[in-house]
């Protein structure tokens, strides 16, 4: 009896083992009994079968649109060509299933969730949305927000009352429907999902009324610019062009304000512009270089103009300048200035139209390339007991009045004479060297910002100066001697100084033919050298 019982138990266990293993093998490719995916019973189904079940579910999908005024409409999956898109998600769920634990799954149930991707036909989708009753123009009432009127010189800005109504925001509706379909939602409330264009601003909107008040405050401003005998006025008609309302906030177009200020600067700035000076010698000269003159600080003026506009007040003022001059009008340097003639090596200082002092000076050494700059400049500052420093010098001076970077006027107590041709071979590093007494007078007369007008005026050289120039050229030519390749520097210097002579004195260079011959010989030597090099 015991033996029979043992045999029977073994057979039963064998059968159970076969069944267990068989089902385990089966559940390698099928979902266990009792399994659901998003509520769909998929027990015993292969992945292909599960896809079919999901396709059938989505095929019967309907989305109810809940519209305003108790209206509803329905969109079906077939109308928009909705269908699931699988990317192996079901296979991943099956792979995660423990086939050998099927008895546990069977009794414990397995509720799985699948993140489905639903695609639809874009053409069908758009056509279905556009065919909805709520999308038809005759079924829509368009809303119009309360707004601000345009500027009127008589009334300023006024309220334009709102026109209330309803209309569909097609883009928002399509996006909301697409999102609902992708999530397989049953209903879509159009109002809650922002599918309507609502009148966002009413007649009593506090923000709008505040903006209108602010606009009217701005255009009530008047800014009158004083440019001497000329004026420019900024009033409501101009200011209104710079104002707009964006998202309920008043906006000032600062770029437009900047353009206006730049226009003022273009018209009224005189810095870096040519200046005409009737010289102390009689003829007029045009001085093209130099920064002296009026210059509007565009950044500072924009800030000030914006502040004036916001105040709602009437203001009369000059622009904000980064640099000022003596006078508005034809000559911005007025009648107080330093006049420096590099040709005659003589300067004049005028104050309120009266000559204070004039004097010979020594300017920058031409032979060493230190010529003083021409132009209309302004005194940078004035000081006493300064030390002028360069690469190879440190020179103490009593009176220092720079006007063009490191170039300025100062006393030169070490010099015994001034004027003439001294500057050509024994000049300064670029500064205007003056007798100490003259430098002191100038220092006590001028101040920071004082105009300094530097020019050349051929024909104002003294007779002695011209004769000295001629003799310098003659001596240079005589120093050439026998022409060699090393003669190029002295020949070039002789040519340069000869060409710099006024035409009326060139004939006095009695050995000019020697210079011409030397240039010809040098050209032959250089040509022969080039051929030898080839």
Protein backbone atom coordinates (compact mmCIF):
# COMPACT_ATOMS: atom_id res chain seq x y z
CA UNK A 1 0.00 0.00 0.00
CA UNK A 2 2.78 2.42 0.87
CA UNK A 3 4.46 1.63 -2.40
CA UNK A 4 1.30 2.37 -4.40
CA UNK A 5 0.81 5.64 -2.56
CA UNK A 6 4.39 6.65 -3.32
CA UNK A 7 4.01 5.82 -6.99
CA UNK A 8 0.75 7.76 -7.21
CA UNK A 9 2.28 10.82 -5.50
CA UNK A 10 5.26 10.70 -7.83
CA UNK A 11 2.99 10.58 -10.87
CA UNK A 12 0.95 13.53 -9.58
CA UNK A 13 4.07 15.54 -8.85
CA UNK A 14 5.39 14.73 -12.26
CA UNK A 15 2.19 15.87 -13.89
CA UNK A 16 2.21 19.07 -11.81
CA UNK A 17 5.83 19.66 -12.71
CA UNK A 18 5.08 19.21 -16.39
CA UNK A 19 2.13 21.58 -16.11
CA UNK A 20 4.14 24.16 -14.19
CA UNK A 21 7.00 24.06 -16.68
CA UNK A 22 4.61 24.04 -19.61
CA UNK A 23 2.78 27.13 -18.40
CA UNK A 24 6.12 28.79 -17.57
CA UNK A 25 7.23 28.22 -21.15
CA UNK A 26 3.86 29.47 -22.44
CA UNK A 27 4.06 32.62 -20.34
CA UNK A 28 7.43 33.44 -21.87
CA UNK A 29 5.48 34.67 -24.91
CA UNK A 30 2.08 35.37 -23.37
CA UNK A 31 0.80 37.42 -20.50
CA UNK A 32 -0.16 35.48 -17.39
CA UNK A 33 -3.81 34.84 -16.65
CA UNK A 34 -5.31 37.58 -14.51
CA UNK A 35 -3.15 40.31 -16.14
CA UNK A 36 -4.68 43.61 -17.28
CA UNK A 37 -3.11 46.52 -19.16
CA UNK A 38 -4.86 49.83 -18.57
CA UNK A 39 -7.97 47.84 -17.64
CA UNK A 40 -7.88 45.61 -20.75
CA UNK A 41 -7.82 41.87 -19.92
CA UNK A 42 -4.75 40.44 -21.63
CA UNK A 43 -4.32 37.11 -19.77
CA UNK A 44 -3.08 34.43 -22.19
CA UNK A 45 -2.56 37.04 -24.96
CA UNK A 46 0.54 37.43 -27.04
CA UNK A 47 1.99 40.89 -27.70
CA UNK A 48 0.41 40.90 -31.16
CA UNK A 49 -2.98 40.14 -29.67
CA UNK A 50 -2.55 42.86 -27.04
CA UNK A 51 -1.76 45.39 -29.78
CA UNK A 52 -4.95 44.34 -31.55
CA UNK A 53 -6.98 44.81 -28.35
CA UNK A 54 -5.53 48.29 -27.81
CA UNK A 55 -6.17 49.22 -31.45
CA UNK A 56 -9.80 48.11 -31.04
CA UNK A 57 -10.12 50.18 -27.86
CA UNK A 58 -8.72 53.31 -29.50
CA UNK A 59 -10.74 52.66 -32.62
CA UNK A 60 -13.90 53.16 -30.58
CA UNK A 61 -12.56 56.26 -28.82
CA UNK A 62 -14.71 59.41 -28.63
CA UNK A 63 -13.88 62.87 -27.25
CA UNK A 64 -16.75 65.08 -26.11
CA UNK A 65 -16.14 68.83 -26.39
CA UNK A 66 -17.90 70.83 -23.71
CA UNK A 67 -18.50 74.29 -25.14
CA UNK A 68 -19.90 77.54 -23.86
CA UNK A 69 -23.66 78.14 -23.69
CA UNK A 70 -24.34 74.42 -22.94
CA UNK A 71 -23.20 73.25 -26.36
CA UNK A 72 -21.37 69.95 -26.94
CA UNK A 73 -19.76 68.27 -29.90
CA UNK A 74 -18.07 64.89 -30.36
CA UNK A 75 -14.86 63.94 -32.15
CA UNK A 76 -14.32 60.23 -32.92
CA UNK A 77 -11.07 58.39 -33.51
CA UNK A 78 -12.08 57.61 -37.10
CA UNK A 79 -12.69 61.31 -37.86
CA UNK A 80 -9.12 62.21 -37.07
CA UNK A 81 -7.47 58.89 -38.05
CA UNK A 82 -6.36 58.21 -34.47
CA UNK A 83 -4.34 55.04 -33.96
CA UNK A 84 -1.85 53.78 -31.40
CA UNK A 85 1.86 53.81 -32.15
CA UNK A 86 3.91 51.03 -30.58
CA UNK A 87 7.61 51.25 -29.96
CA UNK A 88 8.16 47.94 -28.15
CA UNK A 89 6.50 49.00 -24.90
CA UNK A 90 4.29 45.86 -24.77
CA UNK A 91 7.28 43.61 -25.39
CA UNK A 92 9.04 45.37 -22.50
CA UNK A 93 6.08 44.67 -20.19
CA UNK A 94 6.12 41.01 -21.22
CA UNK A 95 9.90 40.81 -20.72
CA UNK A 96 9.48 42.19 -17.21
CA UNK A 97 6.98 39.40 -16.42
CA UNK A 98 8.41 36.49 -14.36
CA UNK A 99 6.97 33.51 -16.24
CA UNK A 100 7.94 31.08 -13.48
CA UNK A 101 5.90 33.09 -10.97
CA UNK A 102 2.68 32.57 -12.92
CA UNK A 103 0.85 30.90 -10.02
CA UNK A 104 1.44 34.00 -7.90
CA UNK A 105 0.30 36.30 -10.71
CA UNK A 106 -2.71 34.10 -11.36
CA UNK A 107 -4.00 34.42 -7.82
CA UNK A 108 -2.66 37.88 -7.07
CA UNK A 109 -3.71 39.54 -10.32
CA UNK A 110 -1.37 41.89 -12.25
CA UNK A 111 -2.63 45.36 -13.27
CA UNK A 112 -0.12 46.91 -15.66
CA UNK A 113 -0.07 50.42 -17.12
CA UNK A 114 1.07 51.30 -20.60
CA UNK A 115 2.10 54.77 -21.70
CA UNK A 116 0.46 54.77 -25.09
CA UNK A 117 1.46 56.99 -27.98
CA UNK A 118 -1.50 57.96 -30.08
CA UNK A 119 -0.95 59.39 -33.54
CA UNK A 120 -3.50 60.91 -35.84
CA UNK A 121 -3.72 62.09 -39.42
CA UNK A 122 -2.84 65.79 -39.52
CA UNK A 123 -5.03 66.48 -42.52
CA UNK A 124 -8.05 64.69 -41.07
CA UNK A 125 -7.43 66.29 -37.69
CA UNK A 126 -7.32 69.84 -39.10
CA UNK A 127 -10.36 69.20 -41.28
CA UNK A 128 -12.38 67.83 -38.37
CA UNK A 129 -11.49 70.77 -36.11
CA UNK A 130 -12.27 73.33 -38.80
CA UNK A 131 -15.64 71.67 -39.47
CA UNK A 132 -16.78 71.94 -35.85
CA UNK A 133 -19.86 74.07 -35.30
CA UNK A 134 -18.03 76.22 -32.75
CA UNK A 135 -15.44 77.03 -35.39
CA UNK A 136 -17.88 78.52 -37.87
CA UNK A 137 -17.70 82.27 -38.16
CA UNK A 138 -21.47 82.71 -37.97
CA UNK A 139 -21.48 80.95 -34.58
CA UNK A 140 -18.83 83.20 -33.05
CA UNK A 141 -19.02 86.61 -31.44
CA UNK A 142 -15.70 88.39 -31.55
CA UNK A 143 -14.55 90.17 -28.37
CA UNK A 144 -12.79 93.52 -28.46
CA UNK A 145 -10.85 94.69 -25.42
CA UNK A 146 -11.14 98.12 -23.96
CA UNK A 147 -8.13 100.07 -25.11
CA UNK A 148 -6.35 103.39 -25.26
CA UNK A 149 -6.91 105.76 -28.14
CA UNK A 150 -4.18 107.23 -30.27
CA UNK A 151 -2.69 110.57 -29.33
CA UNK A 152 -4.68 113.71 -30.05
CA UNK A 153 -3.23 117.16 -29.59
CA UNK A 154 -6.62 118.29 -28.30
CA UNK A 155 -7.54 115.39 -25.99
CA UNK A 156 -4.34 113.47 -25.41
CA UNK A 157 -5.11 109.79 -24.81
CA UNK A 158 -8.67 108.58 -24.06
CA UNK A 159 -10.42 105.28 -23.28
CA UNK A 160 -11.83 103.24 -26.16
CA UNK A 161 -14.66 101.15 -24.58
CA UNK A 162 -14.61 97.35 -24.85
CA UNK A 163 -16.82 95.43 -27.33
CA UNK A 164 -17.65 92.09 -25.65
CA UNK A 165 -18.15 88.78 -27.53
CA UNK A 166 -16.79 85.23 -27.97
CA UNK A 167 -14.61 83.55 -30.53
CA UNK A 168 -12.48 80.40 -30.69
CA UNK A 169 -8.71 80.49 -30.58
CA UNK A 170 -8.13 77.92 -33.32
CA UNK A 171 -4.52 77.23 -32.40
CA UNK A 172 -5.36 76.77 -28.72
CA UNK A 173 -8.30 74.51 -29.61
CA UNK A 174 -6.20 72.27 -31.85
CA UNK A 175 -3.48 72.01 -29.22
CA UNK A 176 -6.02 71.18 -26.48
CA UNK A 177 -7.79 68.54 -28.60
CA UNK A 178 -4.48 66.98 -29.64
CA UNK A 179 -3.37 66.78 -25.99
CA UNK A 180 -6.73 65.26 -24.95
CA UNK A 181 -6.61 62.66 -27.72
CA UNK A 182 -3.04 61.72 -26.89
CA UNK A 183 -4.13 61.19 -23.28
CA UNK A 184 -7.34 59.40 -24.35
CA UNK A 185 -9.43 61.83 -22.28
CA UNK A 186 -13.22 61.41 -22.44
CA UNK A 187 -14.14 65.07 -22.31
CA UNK A 188 -12.53 68.42 -23.00
CA UNK A 189 -13.88 71.62 -21.47
CA UNK A 190 -12.95 74.32 -23.99
CA UNK A 191 -13.30 77.19 -21.54
CA UNK A 192 -11.18 75.57 -18.85
CA UNK A 193 -8.53 74.77 -21.42
CA UNK A 194 -8.27 78.32 -22.76
CA UNK A 195 -9.76 77.65 -26.17
CA UNK A 196 -11.68 80.94 -26.27
CA UNK A 197 -10.42 84.44 -26.95
CA UNK A 198 -11.83 86.47 -24.09
CA UNK A 199 -11.99 90.25 -23.72
CA UNK A 200 -9.12 90.55 -21.29
CA UNK A 201 -9.59 94.26 -20.62
CA UNK A 202 -12.82 95.91 -19.54
CA UNK A 203 -13.84 99.58 -19.40
CA UNK A 204 -13.12 99.71 -15.67
CA UNK A 205 -9.76 97.98 -15.90
CA UNK A 206 -7.58 99.75 -13.34
CA UNK A 207 -4.34 99.01 -15.13
CA UNK A 208 -5.60 100.40 -18.42
CA UNK A 209 -6.93 103.57 -16.80
CA UNK A 210 -3.65 104.00 -14.94
CA UNK A 211 -1.71 103.65 -18.19
CA UNK A 212 -3.90 106.27 -19.89
CA UNK A 213 -3.25 108.67 -17.02
CA UNK A 214 0.47 107.96 -17.25
CA UNK A 215 0.47 108.52 -21.02
CA UNK A 216 -1.27 111.87 -20.58
CA UNK A 217 1.27 112.88 -17.96
CA UNK A 218 4.13 112.11 -20.34
CA UNK A 219 2.68 114.03 -23.31
CA UNK A 220 1.95 117.01 -21.07
CA UNK A 221 5.73 117.52 -20.80
CA UNK A 222 7.61 120.10 -22.85
CA UNK A 223 11.38 120.26 -23.13
CA UNK A 224 12.85 123.36 -24.80
CA UNK A 225 16.54 123.08 -25.70
CA UNK A 226 18.63 126.25 -25.69
CA UNK A 227 21.35 126.39 -28.36
CA UNK A 228 22.21 130.06 -28.07
CA UNK A 229 20.14 131.85 -30.68
CA UNK A 230 18.40 128.61 -31.68
CA UNK A 231 15.97 126.34 -29.84
CA UNK A 232 14.52 122.86 -30.28
CA UNK A 233 11.20 121.88 -28.65
CA UNK A 234 10.09 118.40 -27.61
CA UNK A 235 6.33 118.38 -26.97
CA UNK A 236 3.44 115.92 -26.90
CA UNK A 237 3.41 115.37 -30.66
CA UNK A 238 7.03 114.19 -30.54
CA UNK A 239 6.83 112.38 -27.21
CA UNK A 240 3.76 110.40 -28.34
CA UNK A 241 5.84 108.83 -31.11
CA UNK A 242 8.07 107.31 -28.45
CA UNK A 243 5.24 105.84 -26.36
CA UNK A 244 3.38 102.55 -26.63
CA UNK A 245 1.43 100.22 -24.38
CA UNK A 246 2.63 96.62 -24.21
CA UNK A 247 0.92 94.03 -22.04
CA UNK A 248 -0.82 96.81 -20.16
CA UNK A 249 2.41 98.62 -19.36
CA UNK A 250 3.57 101.95 -20.74
CA UNK A 251 6.72 101.50 -22.79
CA UNK A 252 9.09 104.27 -23.88
CA UNK A 253 11.07 103.49 -27.02
CA UNK A 254 14.48 104.45 -25.72
CA UNK A 255 16.06 103.66 -29.08
CA UNK A 256 13.81 106.28 -30.67
CA UNK A 257 14.75 108.76 -27.92
CA UNK A 258 18.41 107.96 -28.56
CA UNK A 259 17.91 108.55 -32.30
CA UNK A 260 16.36 111.93 -31.53
CA UNK A 261 19.29 112.90 -29.29
CA UNK A 262 21.73 111.70 -31.94
CA UNK A 263 19.93 113.96 -34.39
CA UNK A 264 20.46 116.90 -32.04
CA UNK A 265 24.12 115.96 -31.73
CA UNK A 266 24.54 115.72 -35.49
CA UNK A 267 23.02 119.17 -35.91
CA UNK A 268 24.56 121.04 -32.99
CA UNK A 269 27.81 119.24 -32.09
CA UNK A 270 30.86 121.21 -33.23
CA UNK A 271 33.60 118.97 -31.82
CA UNK A 272 35.78 117.42 -34.54
CA UNK A 273 34.19 119.71 -37.14
CA UNK A 274 36.30 122.16 -39.21
CA UNK A 275 36.63 125.67 -37.81
CA UNK A 276 37.37 128.91 -39.59
CA UNK A 277 39.71 131.40 -37.92
CA UNK A 278 40.53 134.88 -39.09
CA UNK A 279 44.16 134.87 -38.10
CA UNK A 280 46.07 137.69 -36.50
CA UNK A 281 47.94 137.88 -39.82
CA UNK A 282 44.79 138.72 -41.80
CA UNK A 283 43.99 135.63 -43.92
CA UNK A 284 41.46 133.06 -42.76
CA UNK A 285 42.49 129.46 -42.17
CA UNK A 286 40.38 126.33 -41.85
CA UNK A 287 41.39 124.11 -38.95
CA UNK A 288 40.14 120.59 -39.61
CA UNK A 289 41.66 118.54 -36.81
CA UNK A 290 41.05 118.53 -33.07
CA UNK A 291 38.26 117.79 -30.62
CA UNK A 292 37.43 121.30 -29.41
CA UNK A 293 33.75 122.20 -29.53
CA UNK A 294 30.30 121.33 -28.24
CA UNK A 295 29.61 117.65 -27.76
CA UNK A 296 26.33 116.30 -26.42
CA UNK A 297 26.61 113.42 -23.95
CA UNK A 298 24.09 111.19 -25.74
CA UNK A 299 23.76 108.69 -22.90
CA UNK A 300 23.43 111.41 -20.27
CA UNK A 301 21.00 113.43 -22.38
CA UNK A 302 18.77 110.40 -23.05
CA UNK A 303 18.58 109.76 -19.30
CA UNK A 304 17.79 113.42 -18.58
CA UNK A 305 15.21 113.67 -21.36
CA UNK A 306 13.44 110.53 -20.11
CA UNK A 307 13.37 112.00 -16.61
CA UNK A 308 11.95 115.28 -17.93
CA UNK A 309 9.25 113.48 -19.91
CA UNK A 310 8.17 111.40 -16.94
CA UNK A 311 7.84 114.51 -14.77
CA UNK A 312 5.00 115.95 -16.86
CA UNK A 313 6.52 119.42 -16.46
CA UNK A 314 7.75 122.09 -18.85
CA UNK A 315 11.54 122.43 -18.84
CA UNK A 316 13.87 124.87 -20.61
CA UNK A 317 17.55 123.97 -20.54
CA UNK A 318 20.73 123.17 -22.45
CA UNK A 319 21.43 119.57 -23.41
CA UNK A 320 23.67 117.47 -21.20
CA UNK A 321 27.14 118.04 -22.64
CA UNK A 322 30.19 115.86 -22.28
CA UNK A 323 32.21 118.76 -23.65
CA UNK A 324 31.40 122.45 -23.92
CA UNK A 325 32.77 125.38 -25.91
CA UNK A 326 32.93 129.14 -25.48
CA UNK A 327 30.09 130.14 -27.74
CA UNK A 328 27.17 128.95 -29.84
CA UNK A 329 26.95 130.26 -33.36
CA UNK A 330 29.46 130.55 -36.16
CA UNK A 331 32.65 130.23 -34.11
CA UNK A 332 32.32 128.00 -31.07
CA UNK A 333 35.67 129.19 -29.67
CA UNK A 334 34.20 132.67 -29.19
CA UNK A 335 36.60 135.56 -28.60
CA UNK A 336 38.80 134.03 -25.90
CA UNK A 337 41.42 131.62 -27.25
CA UNK A 338 45.08 130.85 -27.84
CA UNK A 339 46.16 131.22 -31.49
CA UNK A 340 49.33 129.31 -32.42
CA UNK A 341 50.94 129.77 -35.87
CA UNK A 342 53.50 127.00 -36.34
CA UNK A 343 54.75 128.56 -39.55
CA UNK A 344 55.68 131.89 -37.99
CA UNK A 345 56.49 130.28 -34.60
CA UNK A 346 54.37 132.95 -32.94
CA UNK A 347 51.27 132.79 -30.73
CA UNK A 348 48.58 135.19 -29.56
CA UNK A 349 46.33 134.95 -26.50
CA UNK A 350 42.96 136.73 -26.68
CA UNK A 351 40.51 137.21 -23.84
CA UNK A 352 37.08 138.69 -24.53
CA UNK A 353 38.39 139.90 -27.88
CA UNK A 354 41.42 141.73 -26.44
CA UNK A 355 45.02 140.68 -26.98
CA UNK A 356 46.58 139.68 -23.65
CA UNK A 357 50.01 138.58 -24.87
CA UNK A 358 51.81 137.45 -28.01
CA UNK A 359 55.21 135.80 -28.25
CA UNK A 360 57.62 133.78 -30.31
CA UNK A 361 57.95 130.13 -29.29
CA UNK A 362 59.72 126.92 -30.26
CA UNK A 363 57.57 123.97 -31.33
CA UNK A 364 58.30 120.32 -32.07
CA UNK A 365 61.56 119.27 -33.74
CA UNK A 366 60.78 118.52 -37.38
CA UNK A 367 64.11 116.83 -38.12
CA UNK A 368 63.34 114.19 -35.48
CA UNK A 369 59.69 113.72 -36.40
CA UNK A 370 58.37 115.53 -33.33
CA UNK A 371 56.36 118.18 -35.16
CA UNK A 372 53.60 119.80 -33.08
CA UNK A 373 50.04 118.82 -34.10
CA UNK A 374 47.67 121.26 -35.77
CA UNK A 375 44.03 121.39 -34.78
CA UNK A 376 41.42 122.94 -32.52
CA UNK A 377 42.07 121.71 -28.99
CA UNK A 378 41.11 122.65 -25.44
CA UNK A 379 43.33 123.03 -22.41
CA UNK A 380 43.20 119.77 -20.50
CA UNK A 381 44.24 121.36 -17.20
CA UNK A 382 46.77 123.84 -15.83
CA UNK A 383 49.32 123.27 -13.10
CA UNK A 384 52.59 124.54 -11.74
CA UNK A 385 55.88 122.85 -10.89
CA UNK A 386 55.39 119.82 -13.12
CA UNK A 387 57.98 117.34 -14.40
CA UNK A 388 57.60 116.40 -18.07
CA UNK A 389 58.80 112.87 -18.69
CA UNK A 390 59.65 110.87 -21.79
CA UNK A 391 61.77 107.89 -22.72
CA UNK A 392 65.00 109.82 -22.41
CA UNK A 393 64.18 112.93 -20.42
CA UNK A 394 62.60 114.30 -17.24
CA UNK A 395 62.25 118.07 -17.47
CA UNK A 396 60.92 120.27 -14.63
CA UNK A 397 58.82 123.27 -15.70
CA UNK A 398 57.18 126.04 -13.74
CA UNK A 399 53.97 126.35 -15.79
CA UNK A 400 52.39 123.38 -17.56
CA UNK A 401 49.28 123.71 -19.77
CA UNK A 402 48.63 120.56 -21.87
CA UNK A 403 46.08 120.69 -24.70
CA UNK A 404 46.72 117.70 -27.00
CA UNK A 405 47.58 114.63 -24.96
CA UNK A 406 51.21 115.03 -23.86
CA UNK A 407 51.60 118.18 -25.94
CA UNK A 408 51.11 121.49 -24.20
CA UNK A 409 52.48 124.97 -23.51
CA UNK A 410 55.18 125.48 -20.90
CA UNK A 411 58.11 127.65 -19.95
CA UNK A 412 61.53 126.72 -21.34
CA UNK A 413 64.02 128.56 -19.17
CA UNK A 414 66.91 126.65 -20.77
CA UNK A 415 66.39 128.38 -24.13
CA UNK A 416 68.10 131.67 -24.91
CA UNK A 417 66.03 132.45 -28.01
CA UNK A 418 62.64 131.62 -29.52
CA UNK A 419 61.02 131.77 -32.95
CA UNK A 420 62.66 131.55 -36.35
CA UNK A 421 63.83 128.12 -37.57
CA UNK A 422 64.96 126.75 -34.24
CA UNK A 423 62.12 124.18 -34.22
CA UNK A 424 63.27 122.54 -37.44
CA UNK A 425 66.49 121.10 -36.02
CA UNK A 426 66.48 121.97 -32.32
CA UNK A 427 62.79 121.94 -31.44
CA UNK A 428 60.92 120.30 -28.60
CA UNK A 429 59.37 116.85 -28.31
CA UNK A 430 56.14 118.45 -29.58
CA UNK A 431 55.35 121.02 -26.90
CA UNK A 432 55.19 124.79 -27.31
CA UNK A 433 58.29 126.17 -25.54
CA UNK A 434 57.79 129.70 -24.21
CA UNK A 435 59.74 132.36 -22.35
CA UNK A 436 59.00 132.02 -18.64
CA UNK A 437 57.32 135.41 -18.35
CA UNK A 438 55.00 134.63 -21.27
CA UNK A 439 54.15 131.19 -19.88
CA UNK A 440 53.27 132.81 -16.55
CA UNK A 441 50.98 135.36 -18.22
CA UNK A 442 49.22 132.66 -20.19
CA UNK A 443 48.89 130.47 -17.08
CA UNK A 444 47.24 133.35 -15.21
CA UNK A 445 44.87 134.03 -18.13
CA UNK A 446 43.56 130.70 -19.33
CA UNK A 447 41.86 127.78 -17.58
CA UNK A 448 40.71 124.26 -18.24
CA UNK A 449 38.69 124.03 -21.47
CA UNK A 450 40.22 127.19 -23.02
CA UNK A 451 40.41 126.79 -26.83
CA UNK A 452 43.82 126.39 -28.43
CA UNK A 453 43.84 126.86 -32.21
CA UNK A 454 46.99 125.56 -33.90
CA UNK A 455 47.60 126.01 -37.63
CA UNK A 456 50.18 126.58 -40.35
CA UNK A 457 50.04 129.55 -42.69
CA UNK A 458 52.57 129.59 -45.53
CA UNK A 459 53.84 133.05 -46.26
CA UNK A 460 54.04 134.14 -42.65
CA UNK A 461 57.65 133.11 -42.23
CA UNK A 462 60.05 135.96 -41.60
CA UNK A 463 62.58 136.90 -44.30
CA UNK A 464 65.41 135.82 -42.02
CA UNK A 465 63.64 132.54 -41.36
CA UNK A 466 63.23 131.88 -45.08
CA UNK A 467 66.85 132.69 -45.78
CA UNK A 468 67.92 130.36 -42.98
CA UNK A 469 65.77 127.60 -44.46
CA UNK A 470 67.39 128.13 -47.87
CA UNK A 471 70.86 128.02 -46.35
CA UNK A 472 69.97 124.83 -44.45
CA UNK A 473 69.03 123.14 -47.75
CA UNK A 474 72.20 124.41 -49.46
CA UNK A 475 74.31 123.05 -46.61
CA UNK A 476 72.56 119.69 -46.73
CA UNK A 477 73.18 119.38 -50.46
CA UNK A 478 76.86 120.31 -50.01
CA UNK A 479 77.18 117.62 -47.34
CA UNK A 480 76.23 114.85 -49.79
CA UNK A 481 79.71 114.65 -51.31
CA UNK A 482 80.52 111.51 -53.29
CA UNK A 483 77.33 109.52 -53.74
CA UNK A 484 77.32 105.99 -52.30
CA UNK A 485 74.60 103.61 -51.14
CA UNK A 486 74.94 105.20 -47.68
CA UNK A 487 74.04 108.63 -49.06
CA UNK A 488 70.33 107.87 -49.29
CA UNK A 489 69.41 109.37 -45.89
CA UNK A 490 71.06 112.76 -46.44
CA UNK A 491 69.79 112.97 -50.04
CA UNK A 492 66.21 112.21 -48.87
CA UNK A 493 66.50 114.83 -46.11
CA UNK A 494 67.77 117.46 -48.57
CA UNK A 495 64.91 116.68 -50.97
CA UNK A 496 62.32 116.83 -48.20
CA UNK A 497 63.49 120.20 -46.89
CA UNK A 498 63.83 121.62 -50.40
CA UNK A 499 60.24 120.61 -51.23
CA UNK A 500 59.06 122.25 -47.98
CA UNK A 501 60.38 125.65 -49.09
CA UNK A 502 57.87 128.15 -50.52
CA UNK A 503 58.04 128.22 -54.31
CA UNK A 504 59.19 131.83 -54.17
CA UNK A 505 62.43 130.88 -52.37
CA UNK A 506 63.35 127.60 -54.08
CA UNK A 507 65.24 129.50 -56.77
CA UNK A 508 67.65 130.72 -54.09
CA UNK A 509 68.97 127.17 -53.63
CA UNK A 510 71.96 127.68 -55.90
CA UNK A 511 73.20 124.06 -55.82
CA UNK A 512 69.88 122.39 -56.62
CA UNK A 513 71.46 120.75 -59.71
CA UNK A 514 73.83 118.93 -57.35
CA UNK A 515 70.83 117.40 -55.53
CA UNK A 516 69.26 116.29 -58.82
CA UNK A 517 72.53 114.71 -59.95
CA UNK A 518 73.00 112.99 -56.59
CA UNK A 519 69.49 111.52 -56.81
CA UNK A 520 70.26 110.19 -60.30
CA UNK A 521 73.55 108.65 -59.15
CA UNK A 522 71.83 107.03 -56.17
CA UNK A 523 69.17 105.55 -58.46
CA UNK A 524 71.90 104.00 -60.67
CA UNK A 525 73.68 102.54 -57.64
CA UNK A 526 70.46 100.99 -56.34
CA UNK A 527 69.58 99.58 -59.78
CA UNK A 528 73.04 98.01 -60.12
CA UNK A 529 72.69 96.50 -56.68
CA UNK A 530 69.35 94.95 -57.57
CA UNK A 531 70.81 93.39 -60.77
CA UNK A 532 73.74 91.96 -58.81
CA UNK A 533 71.31 90.47 -56.31
CA UNK A 534 69.42 88.73 -59.16
